[in-house]
Amino acid sequence: MQMRLLVTSVWLYAETGSGVQLGLLGLILLVVQFPAILYGGTLADKLDRKKLIAFAQIFSFALLTVMALLAASDELKPWHIYGVTAVLGVTSIIGSPARAALTANVVPRSHLLHAVTANAMTFEISAVVAPLVFAAAITTFGTTFTIAVTAIVSIPSIIMPLLIRTRGTPLAADEGPVLRRIWEGFKFVKSHPILPGLLIMDIGVTMVSFYRQVLPLIVDRLFKAGPGAVGLLTSATSLGGIIGSLTVLFLSRYRSKGKLVLYATLAYGVLLIAFGLSTSLWMALVVVVCLGITDAVGMATRQTTVQLTTPDNMRGRAVSFHEVSAESANNIGTIEVGFMSQQIGASYTMVFGGIVSIAVVVAVWVVMKGLRQYRYP
């Protein structure tokens, strides 16, 4: 996934030179992912979660292979990128609630925080390696080779879910119409004492700060650098994610998990301002590592809280609503950061995002009493 996001965004920016065109990737995902993730949540509460994950990943291999063939024949166009982004946005998001919900079937509750953190850490390790491979591949061999490599490394994601030795179907799987099951999931989340605060904070912060998809534009505007710098900053974010995941394990006995999320998100807002004010690529690398740390601490704690406070037959839908907020905010953030960077500059855009993020955290702290009082274990 990391390789796909990098190669499509870099190719699109090189082809069009437009931040707005990059922002359209977020608009496309916003349109297609909202219904897909809700539907994916209902499927995760009904079908074999392992088979659902594998089925969703088949599309990645097939479409990336087609994209590589189009690039090899010099027929790759921007609309192909948008089409592949739309389809894979749907299929990957359908499998996402199943992946998250399956974690609680693999380990006991006493180790769930460790499992979620380890899962996030492996993702971040791959996210460090992928941009480095991407940078080496695209600068040495070009776009076609890089897309082909991306297609090949997607193959294990089809096979490996089926090898997990645990029950794939949820206990007491819900039956009935899809819309009714989605509505039941919404009512559960709405009445939850903690989840609404997590969702509101995630949406409010991410929709003004999600810069990863438009890094080619930000790197160009802030540092006058190219794809190599994009790969470095992406790896720096993921390196921070690894460190943040280790920090979560170190803080596993810190009981005020709600306050931990608030502290991490507040620090994220401050660091966004520092990123916007960075005067060199090396300064930005340090700040981005710290952004990755705070983001990982908040993400792992949020995901664990959702799974710990939700029964198995509702977990897929609860996860899907959490991911709807995250993915929708990511996509709106991509549009907002791309558009604002084009209009007022990347530096002012990041500073603005940091100020808004701090305000959102303060508002949630004051209003959402259940979140700041949540303690585990």
Foldseek 3Di string as FASTA:
>chain_A
DLLLLLLLLQVQCVVPVALLLLLVLLVLLLVQQLVLLLLLLLCLLADQLLQLQLVLLVLVLVLLVVQLVCVVVVNDDSVSSSVSSNSNSRSNSSSVLSVLLCLCQQDPLVCSLVSLLVVLLVVLVVQLVSLVCSLVCCVPPRSSVSSVVSSVVSVVSNVVSVPDPGGRHFPPRDDDDSVVLLVVLVVVQVPDLANVLLLLLLLQQLLLAQCLSVVQLQCCQQAVDHSNLNSLLSSLLSLLLNVLSVVCVVCVVVWQLLVLLLVLLLVLLVLLLVLLVDNYSVSNSVSSSSNSNSVNSNVSSSSSVLNVVDGSSSSSSSVSVSVSSNSSSNSSNSSNQSVVCVPPNNSVSSNVSSVSSNVSSVVSVVPSVSSSRGTDD
